[in-house]
């Protein structure tokens, strides 16, 4: 008699469905060249090399799906990418589309912005390991500068104590049932959060923070792209 073993896997959802209007020009930021290749390629490479990530679901604008399959997934041999799905109106809608495609064997769900190309394998692995223990994890860095709260006219109301304040990044990692339930509740109630962790918090599930890195920025402006170029060159010189 054969014994059936449950194989628990980790899937990474990479939303890259934005239009990148703040960057200017006609090319969405996820496709802008960084060190000679599309920015999105750098992000996918990191997850391709992360040992704990078994598969990737990539989310892009619907009209880009065929080209992304051909010119990014196949061209750069990203064999972990098991599906390319269409994005939605908001980032939360895009992630929701991808959540519909995860397998029954996917125990852990990693969600990472496609335009954060400087995340490290170490951070990804640490976040996954912690999420397996506690159920819900966000990556972030401590606030270093003084924080002030302002009125609408720009006048300072007060200085906010920075102790316990963190700037939240991605990846954010969750047990399957935790993130599916949080997204179900948000969808049924028409709620949109600022990130995936906020949906989980709203559902009453505690989220734990894992230290990230200052260079793990979300590329939003041309200056951000220049910063990434500088960091990549520095890394190449170091090793």
C-alpha atoms as a PDB file:
ATOM      1  CA  UNK A   1       0.000   0.000   0.000  1.00  0.00           C
ATOM      2  CA  UNK A   2       1.428   3.375  -1.043  1.00  0.00           C
ATOM      3  CA  UNK A   3       1.589   6.210   1.437  1.00  0.00           C
ATOM      4  CA  UNK A   4       0.656   9.673   0.212  1.00  0.00           C
ATOM      5  CA  UNK A   5       2.851  12.529   1.314  1.00  0.00           C
ATOM      6  CA  UNK A   6       1.711  16.133   1.327  1.00  0.00           C
ATOM      7  CA  UNK A   7       4.221  18.324  -0.470  1.00  0.00           C
ATOM      8  CA  UNK A   8       4.068  21.842   0.923  1.00  0.00           C
ATOM      9  CA  UNK A   9       5.373  24.452  -1.466  1.00  0.00           C
ATOM     10  CA  UNK A  10       6.051  28.172  -1.614  1.00  0.00           C
ATOM     11  CA  UNK A  11       4.715  30.341  -4.421  1.00  0.00           C
ATOM     12  CA  UNK A  12       5.819  33.911  -5.109  1.00  0.00           C
ATOM     13  CA  UNK A  13       3.388  36.405  -6.607  1.00  0.00           C
ATOM     14  CA  UNK A  14       5.133  39.249  -8.449  1.00  0.00           C
ATOM     15  CA  UNK A  15       2.703  42.073  -9.340  1.00  0.00           C
ATOM     16  CA  UNK A  16       4.115  44.169 -12.186  1.00  0.00           C
ATOM     17  CA  UNK A  17       0.917  45.472 -13.685  1.00  0.00           C
ATOM     18  CA  UNK A  18       1.428  49.217 -13.284  1.00  0.00           C
ATOM     19  CA  UNK A  19       1.644  51.805 -16.037  1.00  0.00           C
ATOM     20  CA  UNK A  20       4.482  53.742 -14.390  1.00  0.00           C
ATOM     21  CA  UNK A  21       2.999  57.137 -15.217  1.00  0.00           C
ATOM     22  CA  UNK A  22       5.156  58.933 -12.642  1.00  0.00           C
ATOM     23  CA  UNK A  23       8.280  57.907 -14.564  1.00  0.00           C
ATOM     24  CA  UNK A  24       7.248  59.826 -17.677  1.00  0.00           C
ATOM     25  CA  UNK A  25       7.509  58.462 -21.215  1.00  0.00           C
ATOM     26  CA  UNK A  26       5.584  55.585 -22.767  1.00  0.00           C
ATOM     27  CA  UNK A  27       7.425  52.604 -21.261  1.00  0.00           C
ATOM     28  CA  UNK A  28       6.045  51.200 -17.986  1.00  0.00           C
ATOM     29  CA  UNK A  29       8.737  51.230 -15.316  1.00  0.00           C
ATOM     30  CA  UNK A  30       8.889  47.441 -14.977  1.00  0.00           C
ATOM     31  CA  UNK A  31      10.274  47.271 -18.527  1.00  0.00           C
ATOM     32  CA  UNK A  32      12.771  50.127 -18.324  1.00  0.00           C
ATOM     33  CA  UNK A  33      16.372  49.011 -18.780  1.00  0.00           C
ATOM     34  CA  UNK A  34      18.503  48.567 -15.671  1.00  0.00           C
ATOM     35  CA  UNK A  35      22.089  47.514 -16.357  1.00  0.00           C
ATOM     36  CA  UNK A  36      21.074  46.607 -19.896  1.00  0.00           C
ATOM     37  CA  UNK A  37      18.039  44.420 -19.152  1.00  0.00           C
ATOM     38  CA  UNK A  38      14.426  45.158 -18.149  1.00  0.00           C
ATOM     39  CA  UNK A  39      14.047  46.045 -14.476  1.00  0.00           C
ATOM     40  CA  UNK A  40      11.596  43.173 -14.031  1.00  0.00           C
ATOM     41  CA  UNK A  41      14.292  40.700 -15.077  1.00  0.00           C
ATOM     42  CA  UNK A  42      16.423  41.665 -12.056  1.00  0.00           C
ATOM     43  CA  UNK A  43      13.508  41.001  -9.706  1.00  0.00           C
ATOM     44  CA  UNK A  44      12.701  37.645 -11.272  1.00  0.00           C
ATOM     45  CA  UNK A  45      16.355  36.558 -11.141  1.00  0.00           C
ATOM     46  CA  UNK A  46      16.423  36.944  -7.371  1.00  0.00           C
ATOM     47  CA  UNK A  47      13.357  34.745  -6.930  1.00  0.00           C
ATOM     48  CA  UNK A  48      14.686  32.261  -9.475  1.00  0.00           C
ATOM     49  CA  UNK A  49      17.728  31.792  -7.234  1.00  0.00           C
ATOM     50  CA  UNK A  50      15.848  31.722  -3.908  1.00  0.00           C
ATOM     51  CA  UNK A  51      15.987  28.061  -2.759  1.00  0.00           C
ATOM     52  CA  UNK A  52      12.692  28.137  -0.846  1.00  0.00           C
ATOM     53  CA  UNK A  53      10.644  29.541  -3.743  1.00  0.00           C
ATOM     54  CA  UNK A  54       9.146  26.709  -5.785  1.00  0.00           C
ATOM     55  CA  UNK A  55       7.148  28.693  -8.325  1.00  0.00           C
ATOM     56  CA  UNK A  56       6.299  32.217  -9.429  1.00  0.00           C
ATOM     57  CA  UNK A  57       3.092  33.798 -10.691  1.00  0.00           C
ATOM     58  CA  UNK A  58       3.813  36.986 -12.595  1.00  0.00           C
ATOM     59  CA  UNK A  59       1.148  39.680 -12.987  1.00  0.00           C
ATOM     60  CA  UNK A  60       1.402  42.136 -15.900  1.00  0.00           C
ATOM     61  CA  UNK A  61      -1.008  44.253 -17.965  1.00  0.00           C
ATOM     62  CA  UNK A  62      -3.250  42.002 -20.044  1.00  0.00           C
ATOM     63  CA  UNK A  63      -1.960  43.385 -23.332  1.00  0.00           C
ATOM     64  CA  UNK A  64       1.631  42.533 -22.338  1.00  0.00           C
ATOM     65  CA  UNK A  65       1.160  38.864 -21.438  1.00  0.00           C
ATOM     66  CA  UNK A  66       2.348  37.316 -24.714  1.00  0.00           C
ATOM     67  CA  UNK A  67       5.372  39.588 -25.027  1.00  0.00           C
ATOM     68  CA  UNK A  68       6.381  39.086 -21.405  1.00  0.00           C
ATOM     69  CA  UNK A  69       6.186  35.315 -21.835  1.00  0.00           C
ATOM     70  CA  UNK A  70       8.376  35.483 -24.939  1.00  0.00           C
ATOM     71  CA  UNK A  71      10.783  38.324 -24.190  1.00  0.00           C
ATOM     72  CA  UNK A  72      11.254  37.909 -20.445  1.00  0.00           C
ATOM     73  CA  UNK A  73      10.155  34.512 -19.110  1.00  0.00           C
ATOM     74  CA  UNK A  74      11.373  32.360 -22.012  1.00  0.00           C
ATOM     75  CA  UNK A  75      14.272  34.561 -23.102  1.00  0.00           C
ATOM     76  CA  UNK A  76      15.855  34.568 -19.634  1.00  0.00           C
ATOM     77  CA  UNK A  77      14.911  30.955 -18.813  1.00  0.00           C
ATOM     78  CA  UNK A  78      12.797  31.717 -15.758  1.00  0.00           C
ATOM     79  CA  UNK A  79      11.565  28.164 -15.353  1.00  0.00           C
ATOM     80  CA  UNK A  80       9.970  28.860 -11.974  1.00  0.00           C
ATOM     81  CA  UNK A  81       7.374  31.136 -13.601  1.00  0.00           C
ATOM     82  CA  UNK A  82       4.391  28.831 -13.890  1.00  0.00           C
ATOM     83  CA  UNK A  83       1.850  31.444 -14.943  1.00  0.00           C
ATOM     84  CA  UNK A  84       1.586  34.981 -16.290  1.00  0.00           C
ATOM     85  CA  UNK A  85      -1.771  36.564 -15.455  1.00  0.00           C
ATOM     86  CA  UNK A  86      -3.426  39.864 -16.190  1.00  0.00           C
ATOM     87  CA  UNK A  87      -3.386  42.733 -13.722  1.00  0.00           C
ATOM     88  CA  UNK A  88      -6.422  44.501 -12.328  1.00  0.00           C
ATOM     89  CA  UNK A  89      -7.461  48.098 -11.764  1.00  0.00           C
ATOM     90  CA  UNK A  90      -5.444  48.386  -8.546  1.00  0.00           C
ATOM     91  CA  UNK A  91      -2.457  46.453  -7.219  1.00  0.00           C
ATOM     92  CA  UNK A  92      -4.757  44.636  -4.802  1.00  0.00           C
ATOM     93  CA  UNK A  93      -6.892  43.472  -7.734  1.00  0.00           C
ATOM     94  CA  UNK A  94      -3.749  42.219  -9.491  1.00  0.00           C
ATOM     95  CA  UNK A  95      -2.646  40.182  -6.495  1.00  0.00           C
ATOM     96  CA  UNK A  96      -6.200  38.890  -6.155  1.00  0.00           C
ATOM     97  CA  UNK A  97      -6.068  37.612  -9.750  1.00  0.00           C
ATOM     98  CA  UNK A  98      -2.853  35.747  -8.973  1.00  0.00           C
ATOM     99  CA  UNK A  99      -4.229  34.247  -5.761  1.00  0.00           C
ATOM    100  CA  UNK A 100      -6.874  32.519  -7.864  1.00  0.00           C
ATOM    101  CA  UNK A 101      -4.093  30.610  -9.643  1.00  0.00           C
ATOM    102  CA  UNK A 102      -2.197  29.195  -6.669  1.00  0.00           C
ATOM    103  CA  UNK A 103      -2.154  25.409  -6.245  1.00  0.00           C
ATOM    104  CA  UNK A 104      -3.560  23.367  -3.380  1.00  0.00           C
ATOM    105  CA  UNK A 105       0.002  22.387  -2.485  1.00  0.00           C
ATOM    106  CA  UNK A 106       1.116  26.000  -2.030  1.00  0.00           C
ATOM    107  CA  UNK A 107       1.430  26.407   1.738  1.00  0.00           C
ATOM    108  CA  UNK A 108       3.310  29.732   1.772  1.00  0.00           C
ATOM    109  CA  UNK A 109       2.541  32.772  -0.399  1.00  0.00           C
ATOM    110  CA  UNK A 110       5.206  35.419  -0.988  1.00  0.00           C
ATOM    111  CA  UNK A 111       4.110  38.755  -2.476  1.00  0.00           C
ATOM    112  CA  UNK A 112       6.782  41.092  -3.835  1.00  0.00           C
ATOM    113  CA  UNK A 113       6.606  44.240  -5.971  1.00  0.00           C
ATOM    114  CA  UNK A 114       7.997  43.653  -9.450  1.00  0.00           C
ATOM    115  CA  UNK A 115       9.726  47.039  -9.316  1.00  0.00           C
ATOM    116  CA  UNK A 116      11.813  46.265  -6.225  1.00  0.00           C
ATOM    117  CA  UNK A 117      14.830  44.782  -8.050  1.00  0.00           C
ATOM    118  CA  UNK A 118      17.361  45.017  -5.202  1.00  0.00           C
ATOM    119  CA  UNK A 119      15.811  42.589  -2.731  1.00  0.00           C
ATOM    120  CA  UNK A 120      18.212  39.873  -1.605  1.00  0.00           C
ATOM    121  CA  UNK A 121      17.837  36.114  -1.493  1.00  0.00           C
ATOM    122  CA  UNK A 122      18.765  36.255   2.193  1.00  0.00           C
ATOM    123  CA  UNK A 123      15.838  38.571   3.006  1.00  0.00           C
ATOM    124  CA  UNK A 124      13.426  36.377   1.019  1.00  0.00           C
ATOM    125  CA  UNK A 125      14.598  33.210   2.760  1.00  0.00           C
ATOM    126  CA  UNK A 126      14.449  34.793   6.218  1.00  0.00           C
ATOM    127  CA  UNK A 127      10.910  36.085   5.622  1.00  0.00           C
ATOM    128  CA  UNK A 128       9.694  32.691   4.386  1.00  0.00           C
ATOM    129  CA  UNK A 129      11.186  30.873   7.360  1.00  0.00           C
ATOM    130  CA  UNK A 130       9.609  33.323   9.806  1.00  0.00           C
ATOM    131  CA  UNK A 131       6.197  33.152   8.093  1.00  0.00           C
ATOM    132  CA  UNK A 132       6.198  29.379   8.496  1.00  0.00           C
ATOM    133  CA  UNK A 133       6.508  29.979  12.243  1.00  0.00           C
ATOM    134  CA  UNK A 134       4.082  32.874  12.801  1.00  0.00           C
ATOM    135  CA  UNK A 135       1.786  32.970   9.754  1.00  0.00           C
ATOM    136  CA  UNK A 136       2.232  36.552   8.526  1.00  0.00           C
ATOM    137  CA  UNK A 137       5.383  38.573   7.929  1.00  0.00           C
ATOM    138  CA  UNK A 138       6.313  41.929   6.393  1.00  0.00           C
ATOM    139  CA  UNK A 139       9.814  43.090   5.545  1.00  0.00           C
ATOM    140  CA  UNK A 140      10.857  46.593   6.554  1.00  0.00           C
ATOM    141  CA  UNK A 141      13.470  48.936   7.969  1.00  0.00           C
ATOM    142  CA  UNK A 142      13.475  51.083  11.092  1.00  0.00           C
ATOM    143  CA  UNK A 143      12.691  54.783  10.680  1.00  0.00           C
ATOM    144  CA  UNK A 144      15.976  56.663  11.133  1.00  0.00           C
ATOM    145  CA  UNK A 145      14.989  60.279  10.594  1.00  0.00           C
ATOM    146  CA  UNK A 146      12.844  62.492  12.782  1.00  0.00           C
ATOM    147  CA  UNK A 147       9.155  62.183  11.839  1.00  0.00           C
ATOM    148  CA  UNK A 148       6.785  65.145  11.970  1.00  0.00           C
ATOM    149  CA  UNK A 149       3.018  65.250  11.589  1.00  0.00           C
ATOM    150  CA  UNK A 150       1.724  68.216   9.544  1.00  0.00           C
ATOM    151  CA  UNK A 151      -1.516  70.098   9.051  1.00  0.00           C
ATOM    152  CA  UNK A 152      -2.989  70.282   5.556  1.00  0.00           C
ATOM    153  CA  UNK A 153      -1.325  73.655   5.028  1.00  0.00           C
ATOM    154  CA  UNK A 154       2.113  72.245   5.820  1.00  0.00           C
ATOM    155  CA  UNK A 155       2.416  73.515   9.387  1.00  0.00           C
ATOM    156  CA  UNK A 156       4.030  71.087  11.831  1.00  0.00           C
ATOM    157  CA  UNK A 157       1.542  69.746  14.376  1.00  0.00           C
ATOM    158  CA  UNK A 158       3.954  67.626  16.367  1.00  0.00           C
ATOM    159  CA  UNK A 159       7.077  65.533  16.255  1.00  0.00           C
ATOM    160  CA  UNK A 160       6.250  61.844  16.274  1.00  0.00           C
ATOM    161  CA  UNK A 161       8.379  59.514  18.362  1.00  0.00           C
ATOM    162  CA  UNK A 162      10.164  57.225  15.908  1.00  0.00           C
ATOM    163  CA  UNK A 163      10.640  54.373  18.370  1.00  0.00           C
ATOM    164  CA  UNK A 164       8.748  51.377  17.043  1.00  0.00           C
ATOM    165  CA  UNK A 165       8.179  52.938  13.607  1.00  0.00           C
ATOM    166  CA  UNK A 166       9.205  50.965  10.535  1.00  0.00           C
ATOM    167  CA  UNK A 167       9.073  51.647   6.797  1.00  0.00           C
ATOM    168  CA  UNK A 168       7.371  48.654   5.236  1.00  0.00           C
ATOM    169  CA  UNK A 169       8.716  46.981   2.100  1.00  0.00           C
ATOM    170  CA  UNK A 170       8.125  43.727   0.273  1.00  0.00           C
ATOM    171  CA  UNK A 171       8.328  40.780   0.222  1.00  0.00           C
ATOM    172  CA  UNK A 172       5.405  40.114   2.517  1.00  0.00           C
ATOM    173  CA  UNK A 173       4.873  36.450   3.290  1.00  0.00           C
ATOM    174  CA  UNK A 174       1.839  34.580   4.562  1.00  0.00           C
ATOM    175  CA  UNK A 175       0.486  31.153   5.176  1.00  0.00           C
ATOM    176  CA  UNK A 176      -1.968  30.308   2.417  1.00  0.00           C
ATOM    177  CA  UNK A 177      -5.160  30.354   4.497  1.00  0.00           C
ATOM    178  CA  UNK A 178      -4.205  33.647   6.158  1.00  0.00           C
ATOM    179  CA  UNK A 179      -3.815  35.639   2.938  1.00  0.00           C
ATOM    180  CA  UNK A 180      -6.738  33.990   1.156  1.00  0.00           C
ATOM    181  CA  UNK A 181      -9.082  34.791   4.044  1.00  0.00           C
ATOM    182  CA  UNK A 182      -7.812  38.383   4.288  1.00  0.00           C
ATOM    183  CA  UNK A 183      -8.348  38.954   0.566  1.00  0.00           C
ATOM    184  CA  UNK A 184     -11.786  37.330   0.689  1.00  0.00           C
ATOM    185  CA  UNK A 185     -12.887  39.654   3.491  1.00  0.00           C
ATOM    186  CA  UNK A 186     -11.520  42.732   1.732  1.00  0.00           C
ATOM    187  CA  UNK A 187     -13.237  41.792  -1.526  1.00  0.00           C
ATOM    188  CA  UNK A 188     -16.591  41.139   0.122  1.00  0.00           C
ATOM    189  CA  UNK A 189     -16.438  44.437   2.021  1.00  0.00           C
ATOM    190  CA  UNK A 190     -15.014  46.539  -0.821  1.00  0.00           C
ATOM    191  CA  UNK A 191     -11.942  47.460   1.211  1.00  0.00           C
ATOM    192  CA  UNK A 192      -8.616  48.469  -0.342  1.00  0.00           C
ATOM    193  CA  UNK A 193      -5.526  48.522   1.865  1.00  0.00           C
ATOM    194  CA  UNK A 194      -2.157  50.157   1.466  1.00  0.00           C
ATOM    195  CA  UNK A 195      -0.408  46.790   1.314  1.00  0.00           C
ATOM    196  CA  UNK A 196      -1.141  43.093   1.701  1.00  0.00           C
ATOM    197  CA  UNK A 197      -0.226  43.085   5.379  1.00  0.00           C
ATOM    198  CA  UNK A 198      -2.848  45.736   6.102  1.00  0.00           C
ATOM    199  CA  UNK A 199      -5.550  43.340   4.876  1.00  0.00           C
ATOM    200  CA  UNK A 200      -4.254  40.641   7.187  1.00  0.00           C
ATOM    201  CA  UNK A 201      -4.085  43.063  10.133  1.00  0.00           C
ATOM    202  CA  UNK A 202      -7.664  44.124   9.408  1.00  0.00           C
ATOM    203  CA  UNK A 203      -8.729  40.478   9.590  1.00  0.00           C
ATOM    204  CA  UNK A 204      -7.365  40.333  13.133  1.00  0.00           C
ATOM    205  CA  UNK A 205      -4.217  38.353  12.369  1.00  0.00           C
ATOM    206  CA  UNK A 206      -0.924  39.642  13.854  1.00  0.00           C
ATOM    207  CA  UNK A 207       1.817  40.517  11.388  1.00  0.00           C
ATOM    208  CA  UNK A 208       5.471  40.246  12.367  1.00  0.00           C
ATOM    209  CA  UNK A 209       8.288  42.382  10.970  1.00  0.00           C
ATOM    210  CA  UNK A 210      11.512  41.023   9.493  1.00  0.00           C
ATOM    211  CA  UNK A 211      14.452  43.404   8.880  1.00  0.00           C
ATOM    212  CA  UNK A 212      14.958  44.332   5.245  1.00  0.00           C
ATOM    213  CA  UNK A 213      17.515  46.670   3.672  1.00  0.00           C
ATOM    214  CA  UNK A 214      17.566  50.355   2.776  1.00  0.00           C
ATOM    215  CA  UNK A 215      18.491  49.572  -0.843  1.00  0.00           C
ATOM    216  CA  UNK A 216      15.332  47.498  -1.332  1.00  0.00           C
ATOM    217  CA  UNK A 217      13.484  50.483  -2.782  1.00  0.00           C
ATOM    218  CA  UNK A 218      10.395  50.559  -4.954  1.00  0.00           C
ATOM    219  CA  UNK A 219      11.350  52.204  -8.250  1.00  0.00           C
ATOM    220  CA  UNK A 220       8.970  55.107  -8.773  1.00  0.00           C
ATOM    221  CA  UNK A 221      11.049  57.912 -10.301  1.00  0.00           C
ATOM    222  CA  UNK A 222      14.041  58.295 -12.621  1.00  0.00           C
ATOM    223  CA  UNK A 223      16.168  59.076  -9.580  1.00  0.00           C
ATOM    224  CA  UNK A 224      15.216  55.698  -8.119  1.00  0.00           C
ATOM    225  CA  UNK A 225      16.393  54.017 -11.318  1.00  0.00           C
ATOM    226  CA  UNK A 226      19.711  55.886 -11.119  1.00  0.00           C
ATOM    227  CA  UNK A 227      20.085  54.771  -7.489  1.00  0.00           C
ATOM    228  CA  UNK A 228      19.574  51.138  -8.545  1.00  0.00           C
ATOM    229  CA  UNK A 229      22.208  51.508 -11.264  1.00  0.00           C
ATOM    230  CA  UNK A 230      24.660  52.820  -8.675  1.00  0.00           C
ATOM    231  CA  UNK A 231      23.978  49.998  -6.220  1.00  0.00           C
ATOM    232  CA  UNK A 232      24.313  47.341  -8.925  1.00  0.00           C
ATOM    233  CA  UNK A 233      27.669  48.732 -10.006  1.00  0.00           C
ATOM    234  CA  UNK A 234      28.804  48.763  -6.397  1.00  0.00           C
ATOM    235  CA  UNK A 235      27.770  45.128  -5.945  1.00  0.00           C
ATOM    236  CA  UNK A 236      29.605  44.153  -9.142  1.00  0.00           C
ATOM    237  CA  UNK A 237      32.796  45.798  -7.880  1.00  0.00           C
ATOM    238  CA  UNK A 238      32.482  44.065  -4.531  1.00  0.00           C
ATOM    239  CA  UNK A 239      32.116  40.694  -5.962  1.00  0.00           C
END
